Amino acid sequence: MLSSWIRWLAFGIGALLILGGFAAASAGGSDVAAGVEVIVLGAAFMIAAVLQHSRYRSDSAELKHEEPGPGGGEEGLLEPRFLPTNEVFVDPSSRRRMRVFVDPRTGERRYRAEG
């Protein structure tokens, strides 16, 4: 997951791009098309900053703004409904070995770093 300051930076850059796009578009002439392109780019930055979240974290952990655990997964105690699976993989960004846990009733998954 991106750290919060990087997300705020991306959001701020997006806002500046939108303001610059409006300024260019309001100048008229051939700058209108370029201004619209910059506005769309700024909006994409802002949307990406808001919607970005880690691959290996539950929605509840994201909503609580909990810090990611080793390998980007979750820390702390898992609820007893989550059972370990045989699914193990190496996260390409952190190089940590991750184990998948699943709630057999709902299919909800959790990821934990091993070792």
N, C-alpha and C. Protein backbone atom coordinates (compact mmCIF):
# COMPACT_ATOMS: atom_id res chain seq x y z
N MET A 1 0.84 -1.17 0.00
CA MET A 1 0.00 0.00 0.00
C MET A 1 0.88 1.23 0.00
N LEU A 2 0.48 2.22 -0.73
CA LEU A 2 1.22 3.46 -0.72
C LEU A 2 1.06 4.14 0.62
N SER A 3 2.15 4.76 1.08
CA SER A 3 2.03 5.46 2.35
C SER A 3 1.11 6.66 2.18
N SER A 4 0.57 7.12 3.27
CA SER A 4 -0.46 8.16 3.19
C SER A 4 0.08 9.45 2.59
N TRP A 5 1.34 9.79 2.82
CA TRP A 5 1.85 11.04 2.26
C TRP A 5 1.96 10.96 0.75
N ILE A 6 2.25 9.79 0.22
CA ILE A 6 2.31 9.64 -1.24
C ILE A 6 0.91 9.77 -1.83
N ARG A 7 -0.07 9.20 -1.14
CA ARG A 7 -1.45 9.33 -1.62
C ARG A 7 -1.88 10.79 -1.60
N TRP A 8 -1.54 11.53 -0.53
CA TRP A 8 -1.88 12.95 -0.47
C TRP A 8 -1.14 13.75 -1.55
N LEU A 9 0.10 13.38 -1.80
CA LEU A 9 0.86 14.05 -2.85
C LEU A 9 0.21 13.83 -4.21
N ALA A 10 -0.18 12.59 -4.51
CA ALA A 10 -0.85 12.30 -5.78
C ALA A 10 -2.17 13.06 -5.88
N PHE A 11 -2.92 13.12 -4.77
CA PHE A 11 -4.18 13.86 -4.76
C PHE A 11 -3.93 15.34 -5.02
N GLY A 12 -2.90 15.90 -4.38
CA GLY A 12 -2.57 17.31 -4.58
C GLY A 12 -2.12 17.61 -5.99
N ILE A 13 -1.31 16.74 -6.56
CA ILE A 13 -0.88 16.92 -7.96
C ILE A 13 -2.08 16.89 -8.88
N GLY A 14 -3.00 15.97 -8.62
CA GLY A 14 -4.23 15.90 -9.41
C GLY A 14 -5.03 17.19 -9.33
N ALA A 15 -5.14 17.74 -8.12
CA ALA A 15 -5.88 19.00 -7.95
C ALA A 15 -5.20 20.14 -8.70
N LEU A 16 -3.87 20.19 -8.64
CA LEU A 16 -3.13 21.23 -9.37
C LEU A 16 -3.30 21.07 -10.88
N LEU A 17 -3.29 19.82 -11.35
CA LEU A 17 -3.50 19.59 -12.78
C LEU A 17 -4.89 20.05 -13.21
N ILE A 18 -5.88 19.78 -12.39
CA ILE A 18 -7.24 20.22 -12.73
C ILE A 18 -7.31 21.74 -12.77
N LEU A 19 -6.73 22.41 -11.80
CA LEU A 19 -6.73 23.87 -11.81
C LEU A 19 -6.00 24.42 -13.03
N GLY A 20 -4.84 23.83 -13.34
CA GLY A 20 -4.11 24.26 -14.52
C GLY A 20 -4.88 24.00 -15.80
N GLY A 21 -5.58 22.87 -15.85
CA GLY A 21 -6.40 22.56 -17.02
C GLY A 21 -7.52 23.55 -17.21
N PHE A 22 -8.17 23.94 -16.11
CA PHE A 22 -9.22 24.96 -16.21
C PHE A 22 -8.65 26.30 -16.66
N ALA A 23 -7.46 26.63 -16.16
CA ALA A 23 -6.83 27.89 -16.57
C ALA A 23 -6.50 27.86 -18.06
N ALA A 24 -5.98 26.74 -18.55
CA ALA A 24 -5.64 26.63 -19.97
C ALA A 24 -6.91 26.65 -20.83
N ALA A 25 -7.94 25.95 -20.38
CA ALA A 25 -9.18 25.89 -21.16
C ALA A 25 -9.87 27.25 -21.19
N SER A 26 -9.76 28.01 -20.11
CA SER A 26 -10.43 29.32 -20.08
C SER A 26 -9.71 30.34 -20.96
N ALA A 27 -8.46 30.06 -21.34
CA ALA A 27 -7.73 30.97 -22.22
C ALA A 27 -8.30 30.95 -23.63
N GLY A 28 -9.02 29.87 -23.96
CA GLY A 28 -9.66 29.79 -25.28
C GLY A 28 -8.69 29.34 -26.36
N GLY A 29 -9.14 29.38 -27.59
CA GLY A 29 -8.32 28.99 -28.72
C GLY A 29 -7.99 27.51 -28.71
N SER A 30 -6.77 27.19 -29.13
CA SER A 30 -6.35 25.79 -29.22
C SER A 30 -6.01 25.20 -27.85
N ASP A 31 -5.95 26.04 -26.83
CA ASP A 31 -5.63 25.55 -25.49
C ASP A 31 -6.79 24.81 -24.83
N VAL A 32 -7.99 24.91 -25.40
CA VAL A 32 -9.15 24.26 -24.79
C VAL A 32 -8.97 22.74 -24.77
N ALA A 33 -8.55 22.16 -25.88
CA ALA A 33 -8.38 20.70 -25.95
C ALA A 33 -7.27 20.25 -25.00
N ALA A 34 -6.18 20.98 -24.96
CA ALA A 34 -5.09 20.63 -24.04
C ALA A 34 -5.55 20.77 -22.60
N GLY A 35 -6.34 21.79 -22.31
CA GLY A 35 -6.86 21.99 -20.96
C GLY A 35 -7.75 20.85 -20.51
N VAL A 36 -8.59 20.36 -21.43
CA VAL A 36 -9.47 19.24 -21.10
C VAL A 36 -8.64 17.98 -20.83
N GLU A 37 -7.60 17.75 -21.61
CA GLU A 37 -6.74 16.60 -21.39
C GLU A 37 -6.07 16.66 -20.02
N VAL A 38 -5.61 17.83 -19.63
CA VAL A 38 -4.96 17.99 -18.33
C VAL A 38 -5.98 17.80 -17.20
N ILE A 39 -7.22 18.27 -17.39
CA ILE A 39 -8.26 18.07 -16.39
C ILE A 39 -8.53 16.58 -16.19
N VAL A 40 -8.62 15.84 -17.30
CA VAL A 40 -8.87 14.39 -17.22
C VAL A 40 -7.70 13.69 -16.51
N LEU A 41 -6.48 14.08 -16.83
CA LEU A 41 -5.30 13.50 -16.18
C LEU A 41 -5.31 13.80 -14.68
N GLY A 42 -5.63 15.03 -14.30
CA GLY A 42 -5.71 15.39 -12.89
C GLY A 42 -6.78 14.60 -12.16
N ALA A 43 -7.94 14.41 -12.81
CA ALA A 43 -9.01 13.62 -12.20
C ALA A 43 -8.56 12.17 -12.01
N ALA A 44 -7.81 11.63 -12.97
CA ALA A 44 -7.31 10.25 -12.85
C ALA A 44 -6.36 10.13 -11.66
N PHE A 45 -5.50 11.12 -11.46
CA PHE A 45 -4.59 11.12 -10.30
C PHE A 45 -5.39 11.09 -9.00
N MET A 46 -6.40 11.94 -8.92
CA MET A 46 -7.18 12.05 -7.69
C MET A 46 -7.97 10.77 -7.42
N ILE A 47 -8.57 10.21 -8.44
CA ILE A 47 -9.34 8.97 -8.28
C ILE A 47 -8.43 7.82 -7.87
N ALA A 48 -7.26 7.73 -8.50
CA ALA A 48 -6.31 6.66 -8.15
C ALA A 48 -5.85 6.79 -6.71
N ALA A 49 -5.61 8.02 -6.25
CA ALA A 49 -5.16 8.22 -4.87
C ALA A 49 -6.24 7.82 -3.86
N VAL A 50 -7.49 8.05 -4.21
CA VAL A 50 -8.58 7.72 -3.29
C VAL A 50 -8.86 6.22 -3.29
N LEU A 51 -8.82 5.58 -4.45
CA LEU A 51 -9.22 4.18 -4.57
C LEU A 51 -8.10 3.18 -4.31
N GLN A 52 -6.85 3.64 -4.26
CA GLN A 52 -5.72 2.73 -4.10
C GLN A 52 -5.76 2.05 -2.75
N HIS A 53 -5.53 0.75 -2.74
CA HIS A 53 -5.37 -0.01 -1.51
C HIS A 53 -4.49 -1.21 -1.77
N SER A 54 -4.03 -1.81 -0.71
CA SER A 54 -3.11 -2.93 -0.81
C SER A 54 -3.79 -4.18 -1.34
N ARG A 55 -3.04 -5.00 -2.03
CA ARG A 55 -3.59 -6.23 -2.60
C ARG A 55 -3.96 -7.25 -1.54
N TYR A 56 -3.26 -7.29 -0.45
CA TYR A 56 -3.38 -8.39 0.50
C TYR A 56 -4.07 -8.00 1.80
N ARG A 57 -4.90 -6.98 1.76
CA ARG A 57 -5.59 -6.54 2.98
C ARG A 57 -7.10 -6.58 2.77
N SER A 58 -7.79 -6.87 3.84
CA SER A 58 -9.25 -6.91 3.78
C SER A 58 -9.81 -5.49 3.70
N ASP A 59 -11.04 -5.39 3.26
CA ASP A 59 -11.70 -4.09 3.21
C ASP A 59 -11.83 -3.48 4.61
N SER A 60 -12.09 -4.33 5.60
CA SER A 60 -12.24 -3.80 6.97
C SER A 60 -10.93 -3.20 7.46
N ALA A 61 -9.79 -3.82 7.14
CA ALA A 61 -8.49 -3.26 7.54
C ALA A 61 -8.22 -1.95 6.81
N GLU A 62 -8.61 -1.86 5.56
CA GLU A 62 -8.43 -0.63 4.80
C GLU A 62 -9.30 0.49 5.38
N LEU A 63 -10.55 0.19 5.71
CA LEU A 63 -11.45 1.21 6.24
C LEU A 63 -11.00 1.72 7.61
N LYS A 64 -10.36 0.85 8.39
CA LYS A 64 -9.86 1.24 9.72
C LYS A 64 -8.49 1.92 9.63
N HIS A 65 -7.91 1.97 8.43
CA HIS A 65 -6.58 2.55 8.20
C HIS A 65 -5.53 1.88 9.05
N GLU A 66 -5.64 0.56 9.21
CA GLU A 66 -4.65 -0.19 9.97
C GLU A 66 -3.36 -0.28 9.16
N GLU A 67 -2.25 -0.31 9.86
CA GLU A 67 -0.95 -0.44 9.20
C GLU A 67 -0.83 -1.85 8.61
N PRO A 68 -0.24 -1.96 7.43
CA PRO A 68 -0.06 -3.30 6.86
C PRO A 68 0.98 -4.09 7.64
N GLY A 69 0.80 -5.39 7.65
CA GLY A 69 1.75 -6.27 8.32
C GLY A 69 2.89 -6.61 7.38
N PRO A 70 3.75 -7.55 7.78
CA PRO A 70 4.86 -7.96 6.92
C PRO A 70 4.35 -8.47 5.57
N GLY A 71 4.98 -8.07 4.51
CA GLY A 71 4.58 -8.51 3.17
C GLY A 71 3.33 -7.83 2.67
N GLY A 72 2.81 -6.85 3.41
CA GLY A 72 1.60 -6.16 2.99
C GLY A 72 0.33 -6.82 3.47
N GLY A 73 0.42 -7.95 4.15
CA GLY A 73 -0.76 -8.64 4.65
C GLY A 73 -1.26 -8.02 5.94
N GLU A 74 -1.97 -8.81 6.71
CA GLU A 74 -2.54 -8.32 7.96
C GLU A 74 -1.83 -8.94 9.15
N GLU A 75 -1.79 -8.20 10.25
CA GLU A 75 -1.19 -8.67 11.49
C GLU A 75 -2.28 -8.94 12.51
N GLY A 76 -1.86 -9.38 13.68
CA GLY A 76 -2.81 -9.61 14.76
C GLY A 76 -3.46 -10.98 14.65
N LEU A 77 -4.41 -11.21 15.54
CA LEU A 77 -5.10 -12.50 15.55
C LEU A 77 -6.16 -12.56 14.47
N LEU A 78 -6.22 -13.70 13.81
CA LEU A 78 -7.28 -13.93 12.84
C LEU A 78 -8.49 -14.49 13.56
N GLU A 79 -9.65 -14.15 13.08
CA GLU A 79 -10.86 -14.74 13.64
C GLU A 79 -10.82 -16.24 13.40
N PRO A 80 -11.41 -17.04 14.31
CA PRO A 80 -11.34 -18.50 14.17
C PRO A 80 -12.01 -19.03 12.91
N ARG A 81 -12.87 -18.22 12.29
CA ARG A 81 -13.55 -18.69 11.08
C ARG A 81 -12.59 -18.82 9.89
N PHE A 82 -11.41 -18.20 9.96
CA PHE A 82 -10.44 -18.28 8.87
C PHE A 82 -9.54 -19.49 9.06
N LEU A 83 -9.52 -20.35 8.07
CA LEU A 83 -8.72 -21.57 8.11
C LEU A 83 -7.56 -21.47 7.12
N PRO A 84 -6.38 -22.00 7.48
CA PRO A 84 -5.26 -21.95 6.54
C PRO A 84 -5.52 -22.85 5.34
N THR A 85 -5.05 -22.42 4.19
CA THR A 85 -5.15 -23.23 2.98
C THR A 85 -3.75 -23.70 2.59
N ASN A 86 -3.67 -24.51 1.57
CA ASN A 86 -2.37 -24.93 1.04
C ASN A 86 -1.80 -23.91 0.07
N GLU A 87 -2.54 -22.83 -0.15
CA GLU A 87 -2.10 -21.81 -1.10
C GLU A 87 -1.03 -20.92 -0.45
N VAL A 88 0.18 -21.01 -0.97
CA VAL A 88 1.32 -20.23 -0.49
C VAL A 88 2.00 -19.64 -1.73
N PHE A 89 2.43 -18.40 -1.63
CA PHE A 89 3.10 -17.75 -2.75
C PHE A 89 4.10 -16.75 -2.22
N VAL A 90 4.99 -16.31 -3.08
CA VAL A 90 5.97 -15.28 -2.73
C VAL A 90 5.50 -13.97 -3.35
N ASP A 91 5.30 -12.98 -2.50
CA ASP A 91 4.89 -11.66 -2.97
C ASP A 91 6.03 -11.06 -3.79
N PRO A 92 5.77 -10.65 -5.03
CA PRO A 92 6.86 -10.16 -5.87
C PRO A 92 7.47 -8.84 -5.40
N SER A 93 6.72 -8.01 -4.69
CA SER A 93 7.29 -6.72 -4.29
C SER A 93 8.07 -6.82 -2.98
N SER A 94 7.60 -7.60 -2.02
CA SER A 94 8.30 -7.68 -0.74
C SER A 94 9.18 -8.92 -0.62
N ARG A 95 9.02 -9.87 -1.53
CA ARG A 95 9.75 -11.15 -1.51
C ARG A 95 9.43 -11.97 -0.26
N ARG A 96 8.29 -11.72 0.36
CA ARG A 96 7.87 -12.46 1.55
C ARG A 96 6.97 -13.62 1.13
N ARG A 97 7.11 -14.72 1.84
CA ARG A 97 6.25 -15.88 1.61
C ARG A 97 4.90 -15.61 2.29
N MET A 98 3.82 -15.71 1.54
CA MET A 98 2.48 -15.39 2.04
C MET A 98 1.61 -16.65 2.05
N ARG A 99 0.83 -16.82 3.11
CA ARG A 99 -0.13 -17.92 3.22
C ARG A 99 -1.53 -17.34 3.13
N VAL A 100 -2.41 -18.06 2.44
CA VAL A 100 -3.79 -17.64 2.28
C VAL A 100 -4.65 -18.36 3.31
N PHE A 101 -5.52 -17.60 3.99
CA PHE A 101 -6.51 -18.12 4.91
C PHE A 101 -7.88 -17.82 4.33
N VAL A 102 -8.83 -18.71 4.52
CA VAL A 102 -10.15 -18.51 3.92
C VAL A 102 -11.25 -18.84 4.93
N ASP A 103 -12.34 -18.11 4.83
CA ASP A 103 -13.55 -18.44 5.58
C ASP A 103 -14.37 -19.35 4.66
N PRO A 104 -14.49 -20.64 5.00
CA PRO A 104 -15.15 -21.58 4.09
C PRO A 104 -16.63 -21.24 3.84
N ARG A 105 -17.24 -20.54 4.78
CA ARG A 105 -18.66 -20.21 4.62
C ARG A 105 -18.87 -19.09 3.59
N THR A 106 -18.03 -18.07 3.63
CA THR A 106 -18.24 -16.91 2.75
C THR A 106 -17.25 -16.84 1.60
N GLY A 107 -16.11 -17.54 1.72
CA GLY A 107 -15.07 -17.45 0.69
C GLY A 107 -14.14 -16.26 0.88
N GLU A 108 -14.36 -15.48 1.95
CA GLU A 108 -13.52 -14.33 2.23
C GLU A 108 -12.09 -14.79 2.53
N ARG A 109 -11.10 -14.05 2.01
CA ARG A 109 -9.71 -14.46 2.14
C ARG A 109 -8.92 -13.44 2.95
N ARG A 110 -7.89 -13.95 3.63
CA ARG A 110 -6.91 -13.12 4.34
C ARG A 110 -5.53 -13.62 3.97
N TYR A 111 -4.56 -12.71 3.98
CA TYR A 111 -3.19 -13.07 3.61
C TYR A 111 -2.28 -12.74 4.77
N ARG A 112 -1.36 -13.66 5.07
CA ARG A 112 -0.41 -13.50 6.16
C ARG A 112 0.98 -13.86 5.69
N ALA A 113 1.96 -13.06 6.12
CA ALA A 113 3.35 -13.39 5.84
C ALA A 113 3.79 -14.53 6.74
N GLU A 114 4.56 -15.44 6.19
CA GLU A 114 5.11 -16.55 6.97
C GLU A 114 6.60 -16.37 7.15
N GLY A 115 7.08 -16.80 8.28
CA GLY A 115 8.51 -16.80 8.52
C GLY A 115 9.14 -15.50 8.80
